[in-house]
């Protein structure tokens, strides 16, 4: 298992958390997504390493930006 934490900007409510969780969770190999709304931290657990571009695309599809 691999766990990586990303920072997502623009999330302001529980709907934001749900949108990001659903999009990132749909990436092949992802086994869990935990979003901390106050900090914008999104911890993604997966079977193996994920390409940052995949995570960035999923976050953008949800309507938010990956910081950094």
PDB file of N, CA and C in Angstrom:
ATOM      1  N   UNK A   1       0.828  -1.188   0.000  1.00  0.00           N
ATOM      2  CA  UNK A   1       0.000   0.000   0.000  1.00  0.00           C
ATOM      3  C   UNK A   1       0.872   1.251   0.000  1.00  0.00           C
ATOM      4  N   UNK A   2       0.413   2.244  -0.719  1.00  0.00           N
ATOM      5  CA  UNK A   2       1.099   3.523  -0.785  1.00  0.00           C
ATOM      6  C   UNK A   2       0.118   4.608  -0.357  1.00  0.00           C
ATOM      7  N   UNK A   3       0.569   5.513   0.509  1.00  0.00           N
ATOM      8  CA  UNK A   3      -0.266   6.645   0.916  1.00  0.00           C
ATOM      9  C   UNK A   3       0.482   7.925   0.572  1.00  0.00           C
ATOM     10  N   UNK A   4      -0.187   8.821  -0.146  1.00  0.00           N
ATOM     11  CA  UNK A   4       0.398  10.096  -0.540  1.00  0.00           C
ATOM     12  C   UNK A   4      -0.589  11.197  -0.191  1.00  0.00           C
ATOM     13  N   UNK A   5      -0.063  12.294   0.344  1.00  0.00           N
ATOM     14  CA  UNK A   5      -0.926  13.416   0.701  1.00  0.00           C
ATOM     15  C   UNK A   5      -0.688  14.576  -0.252  1.00  0.00           C
ATOM     16  N   UNK A   6      -1.766  15.104  -0.782  1.00  0.00           N
ATOM     17  CA  UNK A   6      -1.744  16.241  -1.694  1.00  0.00           C
ATOM     18  C   UNK A   6      -2.487  17.393  -1.025  1.00  0.00           C
ATOM     19  N   UNK A   7      -2.255  18.601  -1.487  1.00  0.00           N
ATOM     20  CA  UNK A   7      -3.005  19.754  -0.995  1.00  0.00           C
ATOM     21  C   UNK A   7      -3.888  20.268  -2.117  1.00  0.00           C
ATOM     22  N   UNK A   8      -5.172  20.377  -1.833  1.00  0.00           N
ATOM     23  CA  UNK A   8      -6.151  20.839  -2.815  1.00  0.00           C
ATOM     24  C   UNK A   8      -6.685  22.191  -2.374  1.00  0.00           C
ATOM     25  N   UNK A   9      -6.696  23.154  -3.283  1.00  0.00           N
ATOM     26  CA  UNK A   9      -7.215  24.483  -2.945  1.00  0.00           C
ATOM     27  C   UNK A   9      -8.611  24.668  -3.532  1.00  0.00           C
ATOM     28  N   UNK A  10      -9.415  25.471  -2.834  1.00  0.00           N
ATOM     29  CA  UNK A  10     -10.739  25.815  -3.330  1.00  0.00           C
ATOM     30  C   UNK A  10     -11.878  25.074  -2.669  1.00  0.00           C
ATOM     31  N   UNK A  11     -11.576  24.081  -1.827  1.00  0.00           N
ATOM     32  CA  UNK A  11     -12.654  23.339  -1.165  1.00  0.00           C
ATOM     33  C   UNK A  11     -13.173  24.157   0.022  1.00  0.00           C
ATOM     34  N   UNK A  12     -14.500  24.283   0.118  1.00  0.00           N
ATOM     35  CA  UNK A  12     -15.079  25.095   1.190  1.00  0.00           C
ATOM     36  C   UNK A  12     -16.182  24.400   1.976  1.00  0.00           C
ATOM     37  N   UNK A  13     -16.645  23.231   1.523  1.00  0.00           N
ATOM     38  CA  UNK A  13     -17.790  22.600   2.187  1.00  0.00           C
ATOM     39  C   UNK A  13     -17.766  21.087   2.001  1.00  0.00           C
ATOM     40  N   UNK A  14     -18.734  20.416   2.610  1.00  0.00           N
ATOM     41  CA  UNK A  14     -18.779  18.958   2.519  1.00  0.00           C
ATOM     42  C   UNK A  14     -19.040  18.478   1.089  1.00  0.00           C
ATOM     43  N   UNK A  15     -19.755  19.274   0.297  1.00  0.00           N
ATOM     44  CA  UNK A  15     -19.969  18.908  -1.110  1.00  0.00           C
ATOM     45  C   UNK A  15     -18.633  18.866  -1.844  1.00  0.00           C
ATOM     46  N   UNK A  16     -17.748  19.817  -1.541  1.00  0.00           N
ATOM     47  CA  UNK A  16     -16.417  19.843  -2.146  1.00  0.00           C
ATOM     48  C   UNK A  16     -15.656  18.559  -1.809  1.00  0.00           C
ATOM     49  N   UNK A  17     -15.732  18.178  -0.547  1.00  0.00           N
ATOM     50  CA  UNK A  17     -15.054  16.966  -0.077  1.00  0.00           C
ATOM     51  C   UNK A  17     -15.572  15.748  -0.832  1.00  0.00           C
ATOM     52  N   UNK A  18     -16.883  15.663  -0.982  1.00  0.00           N
ATOM     53  CA  UNK A  18     -17.496  14.536  -1.690  1.00  0.00           C
ATOM     54  C   UNK A  18     -17.058  14.498  -3.148  1.00  0.00           C
ATOM     55  N   UNK A  19     -17.061  15.641  -3.808  1.00  0.00           N
ATOM     56  CA  UNK A  19     -16.672  15.703  -5.223  1.00  0.00           C
ATOM     57  C   UNK A  19     -15.233  15.233  -5.423  1.00  0.00           C
ATOM     58  N   UNK A  20     -14.333  15.751  -4.599  1.00  0.00           N
ATOM     59  CA  UNK A  20     -12.921  15.372  -4.726  1.00  0.00           C
ATOM     60  C   UNK A  20     -12.746  13.894  -4.395  1.00  0.00           C
ATOM     61  N   UNK A  21     -13.392  13.432  -3.341  1.00  0.00           N
ATOM     62  CA  UNK A  21     -13.275  12.025  -2.937  1.00  0.00           C
ATOM     63  C   UNK A  21     -13.751  11.088  -4.038  1.00  0.00           C
ATOM     64  N   UNK A  22     -14.872  11.419  -4.671  1.00  0.00           N
ATOM     65  CA  UNK A  22     -15.423  10.563  -5.725  1.00  0.00           C
ATOM     66  C   UNK A  22     -14.516  10.526  -6.947  1.00  0.00           C
ATOM     67  N   UNK A  23     -14.026  11.688  -7.387  1.00  0.00           N
ATOM     68  CA  UNK A  23     -13.181  11.738  -8.583  1.00  0.00           C
ATOM     69  C   UNK A  23     -11.840  11.037  -8.353  1.00  0.00           C
ATOM     70  N   UNK A  24     -11.199  11.336  -7.236  1.00  0.00           N
ATOM     71  CA  UNK A  24      -9.907  10.711  -6.949  1.00  0.00           C
ATOM     72  C   UNK A  24     -10.088   9.220  -6.675  1.00  0.00           C
ATOM     73  N   UNK A  25     -11.174   8.877  -5.994  1.00  0.00           N
ATOM     74  CA  UNK A  25     -11.448   7.476  -5.702  1.00  0.00           C
ATOM     75  C   UNK A  25     -11.705   6.629  -6.931  1.00  0.00           C
ATOM     76  N   UNK A  26     -12.043   7.270  -8.041  1.00  0.00           N
ATOM     77  CA  UNK A  26     -12.324   6.545  -9.286  1.00  0.00           C
ATOM     78  C   UNK A  26     -11.045   6.176 -10.049  1.00  0.00           C
ATOM     79  N   UNK A  27      -9.909   6.701  -9.618  1.00  0.00           N
ATOM     80  CA  UNK A  27      -8.640   6.360 -10.284  1.00  0.00           C
ATOM     81  C   UNK A  27      -8.336   4.887 -10.021  1.00  0.00           C
ATOM     82  N   UNK A  28      -7.934   4.185 -11.078  1.00  0.00           N
ATOM     83  CA  UNK A  28      -7.625   2.766 -10.940  1.00  0.00           C
ATOM     84  C   UNK A  28      -6.500   2.557  -9.925  1.00  0.00           C
ATOM     85  N   UNK A  29      -6.726   1.650  -8.988  1.00  0.00           N
ATOM     86  CA  UNK A  29      -5.715   1.334  -7.984  1.00  0.00           C
ATOM     87  C   UNK A  29      -5.914   2.051  -6.660  1.00  0.00           C
ATOM     88  N   UNK A  30      -6.769   3.093  -6.648  1.00  0.00           N
ATOM     89  CA  UNK A  30      -7.005   3.832  -5.403  1.00  0.00           C
ATOM     90  C   UNK A  30      -7.889   2.992  -4.484  1.00  0.00           C
ATOM     91  N   UNK A  31      -7.448   2.852  -3.228  1.00  0.00           N
ATOM     92  CA  UNK A  31      -8.199   2.056  -2.263  1.00  0.00           C
ATOM     93  C   UNK A  31      -8.838   2.910  -1.175  1.00  0.00           C
ATOM     94  N   UNK A  32      -8.424   4.183  -1.078  1.00  0.00           N
ATOM     95  CA  UNK A  32      -9.019   5.054  -0.076  1.00  0.00           C
ATOM     96  C   UNK A  32      -8.656   6.507  -0.296  1.00  0.00           C
ATOM     97  N   UNK A  33      -9.566   7.395   0.085  1.00  0.00           N
ATOM     98  CA  UNK A  33      -9.340   8.838  -0.015  1.00  0.00           C
ATOM     99  C   UNK A  33      -9.848   9.468   1.280  1.00  0.00           C
ATOM    100  N   UNK A  34      -8.983  10.229   1.949  1.00  0.00           N
ATOM    101  CA  UNK A  34      -9.373  10.944   3.162  1.00  0.00           C
ATOM    102  C   UNK A  34      -9.095  12.423   2.933  1.00  0.00           C
ATOM    103  N   UNK A  35     -10.129  13.246   3.077  1.00  0.00           N
ATOM    104  CA  UNK A  35     -10.004  14.686   2.842  1.00  0.00           C
ATOM    105  C   UNK A  35     -10.159  15.423   4.170  1.00  0.00           C
ATOM    106  N   UNK A  36      -9.204  16.305   4.466  1.00  0.00           N
ATOM    107  CA  UNK A  36      -9.290  17.175   5.635  1.00  0.00           C
ATOM    108  C   UNK A  36      -9.634  18.570   5.128  1.00  0.00           C
ATOM    109  N   UNK A  37     -10.904  18.937   5.255  1.00  0.00           N
ATOM    110  CA  UNK A  37     -11.393  20.197   4.693  1.00  0.00           C
ATOM    111  C   UNK A  37     -10.642  21.431   5.207  1.00  0.00           C
ATOM    112  N   UNK A  38     -10.426  21.576   6.520  1.00  0.00           N
ATOM    113  CA  UNK A  38      -9.763  22.804   7.006  1.00  0.00           C
ATOM    114  C   UNK A  38      -8.369  23.048   6.420  1.00  0.00           C
ATOM    115  N   UNK A  39      -7.620  21.962   6.193  1.00  0.00           N
ATOM    116  CA  UNK A  39      -6.250  22.138   5.686  1.00  0.00           C
ATOM    117  C   UNK A  39      -6.146  21.934   4.177  1.00  0.00           C
ATOM    118  N   UNK A  40      -7.155  21.308   3.578  1.00  0.00           N
ATOM    119  CA  UNK A  40      -7.101  20.999   2.154  1.00  0.00           C
ATOM    120  C   UNK A  40      -6.278  19.765   1.853  1.00  0.00           C
ATOM    121  N   UNK A  41      -5.860  19.048   2.897  1.00  0.00           N
ATOM    122  CA  UNK A  41      -5.046  17.843   2.699  1.00  0.00           C
ATOM    123  C   UNK A  41      -5.921  16.697   2.203  1.00  0.00           C
ATOM    124  N   UNK A  42      -5.447  16.048   1.139  1.00  0.00           N
ATOM    125  CA  UNK A  42      -6.142  14.888   0.584  1.00  0.00           C
ATOM    126  C   UNK A  42      -5.143  13.735   0.602  1.00  0.00           C
ATOM    127  N   UNK A  43      -5.414  12.738   1.435  1.00  0.00           N
ATOM    128  CA  UNK A  43      -4.525  11.579   1.526  1.00  0.00           C
ATOM    129  C   UNK A  43      -5.130  10.457   0.702  1.00  0.00           C
ATOM    130  N   UNK A  44      -4.337   9.987  -0.254  1.00  0.00           N
ATOM    131  CA  UNK A  44      -4.791   8.962  -1.183  1.00  0.00           C
ATOM    132  C   UNK A  44      -4.012   7.679  -0.896  1.00  0.00           C
ATOM    133  N   UNK A  45      -4.742   6.604  -0.625  1.00  0.00           N
ATOM    134  CA  UNK A  45      -4.132   5.298  -0.416  1.00  0.00           C
ATOM    135  C   UNK A  45      -4.369   4.478  -1.682  1.00  0.00           C
ATOM    136  N   UNK A  46      -3.315   3.831  -2.150  1.00  0.00           N
ATOM    137  CA  UNK A  46      -3.437   3.066  -3.394  1.00  0.00           C
ATOM    138  C   UNK A  46      -2.599   1.795  -3.316  1.00  0.00           C
ATOM    139  N   UNK A  47      -2.897   0.891  -4.223  1.00  0.00           N
ATOM    140  CA  UNK A  47      -2.183  -0.380  -4.276  1.00  0.00           C
ATOM    141  C   UNK A  47      -0.716  -0.174  -4.635  1.00  0.00           C
ATOM    142  N   UNK A  48      -0.434   0.874  -5.393  1.00  0.00           N
ATOM    143  CA  UNK A  48       0.933   1.197  -5.800  1.00  0.00           C
ATOM    144  C   UNK A  48       1.025   2.684  -6.065  1.00  0.00           C
ATOM    145  N   UNK A  49       2.200   3.152  -6.468  1.00  0.00           N
ATOM    146  CA  UNK A  49       2.363   4.581  -6.739  1.00  0.00           C
ATOM    147  C   UNK A  49       1.427   5.059  -7.851  1.00  0.00           C
ATOM    148  N   UNK A  50       0.914   6.275  -7.687  1.00  0.00           N
ATOM    149  CA  UNK A  50       0.058   6.885  -8.706  1.00  0.00           C
ATOM    150  C   UNK A  50       0.827   8.006  -9.390  1.00  0.00           C
ATOM    151  N   UNK A  51       0.523   8.235 -10.644  1.00  0.00           N
ATOM    152  CA  UNK A  51       1.112   9.375 -11.351  1.00  0.00           C
ATOM    153  C   UNK A  51       0.427  10.642 -10.841  1.00  0.00           C
ATOM    154  N   UNK A  52       1.226  11.640 -10.491  1.00  0.00           N
ATOM    155  CA  UNK A  52       0.670  12.907 -10.007  1.00  0.00           C
ATOM    156  C   UNK A  52      -0.292  13.499 -11.027  1.00  0.00           C
ATOM    157  N   UNK A  53      -0.020  13.282 -12.312  1.00  0.00           N
ATOM    158  CA  UNK A  53      -0.887  13.814 -13.369  1.00  0.00           C
ATOM    159  C   UNK A  53      -2.294  13.222 -13.275  1.00  0.00           C
ATOM    160  N   UNK A  54      -2.398  11.956 -12.883  1.00  0.00           N
ATOM    161  CA  UNK A  54      -3.714  11.323 -12.732  1.00  0.00           C
ATOM    162  C   UNK A  54      -4.497  11.989 -11.600  1.00  0.00           C
ATOM    163  N   UNK A  55      -3.822  12.218 -10.492  1.00  0.00           N
ATOM    164  CA  UNK A  55      -4.473  12.836  -9.341  1.00  0.00           C
ATOM    165  C   UNK A  55      -4.864  14.265  -9.678  1.00  0.00           C
ATOM    166  N   UNK A  56      -3.957  14.997 -10.328  1.00  0.00           N
ATOM    167  CA  UNK A  56      -4.238  16.384 -10.722  1.00  0.00           C
ATOM    168  C   UNK A  56      -5.459  16.434 -11.637  1.00  0.00           C
ATOM    169  N   UNK A  57      -5.533  15.536 -12.612  1.00  0.00           N
ATOM    170  CA  UNK A  57      -6.663  15.509 -13.548  1.00  0.00           C
ATOM    171  C   UNK A  57      -7.973  15.225 -12.818  1.00  0.00           C
ATOM    172  N   UNK A  58      -7.956  14.316 -11.850  1.00  0.00           N
ATOM    173  CA  UNK A  58      -9.174  13.990 -11.104  1.00  0.00           C
ATOM    174  C   UNK A  58      -9.618  15.166 -10.250  1.00  0.00           C
ATOM    175  N   UNK A  59      -8.672  15.843  -9.609  1.00  0.00           N
ATOM    176  CA  UNK A  59      -9.000  17.000  -8.781  1.00  0.00           C
ATOM    177  C   UNK A  59      -9.587  18.119  -9.652  1.00  0.00           C
ATOM    178  N   UNK A  60      -8.983  18.337 -10.822  1.00  0.00           N
ATOM    179  CA  UNK A  60      -9.479  19.376 -11.738  1.00  0.00           C
ATOM    180  C   UNK A  60     -10.847  19.018 -12.284  1.00  0.00           C
ATOM    181  N   UNK A  61     -11.093  17.739 -12.519  1.00  0.00           N
ATOM    182  CA  UNK A  61     -12.403  17.285 -12.994  1.00  0.00           C
ATOM    183  C   UNK A  61     -13.469  17.589 -11.945  1.00  0.00           C
ATOM    184  N   UNK A  62     -13.083  17.518 -10.669  1.00  0.00           N
ATOM    185  CA  UNK A  62     -14.013  17.839  -9.585  1.00  0.00           C
ATOM    186  C   UNK A  62     -14.217  19.344  -9.436  1.00  0.00           C
ATOM    187  N   UNK A  63     -13.363  20.142 -10.108  1.00  0.00           N
ATOM    188  CA  UNK A  63     -13.532  21.597 -10.083  1.00  0.00           C
ATOM    189  C   UNK A  63     -12.589  22.320  -9.149  1.00  0.00           C
ATOM    190  N   UNK A  64     -11.495  21.666  -8.745  1.00  0.00           N
ATOM    191  CA  UNK A  64     -10.556  22.257  -7.795  1.00  0.00           C
ATOM    192  C   UNK A  64      -9.143  22.188  -8.348  1.00  0.00           C
ATOM    193  N   UNK A  65      -8.204  22.741  -7.608  1.00  0.00           N
ATOM    194  CA  UNK A  65      -6.807  22.778  -8.061  1.00  0.00           C
ATOM    195  C   UNK A  65      -5.916  22.059  -7.074  1.00  0.00           C
ATOM    196  N   UNK A  66      -4.945  21.328  -7.608  1.00  0.00           N
ATOM    197  CA  UNK A  66      -3.910  20.720  -6.782  1.00  0.00           C
ATOM    198  C   UNK A  66      -2.869  21.803  -6.535  1.00  0.00           C
ATOM    199  N   UNK A  67      -2.588  22.086  -5.278  1.00  0.00           N
ATOM    200  CA  UNK A  67      -1.610  23.126  -4.940  1.00  0.00           C
ATOM    201  C   UNK A  67      -0.201  22.604  -5.186  1.00  0.00           C
ATOM    202  N   UNK A  68       0.694  23.518  -5.538  1.00  0.00           N
ATOM    203  CA  UNK A  68       2.093  23.141  -5.717  1.00  0.00           C
ATOM    204  C   UNK A  68       2.443  22.686  -7.089  1.00  0.00           C
TER     205      UNK A  68
END
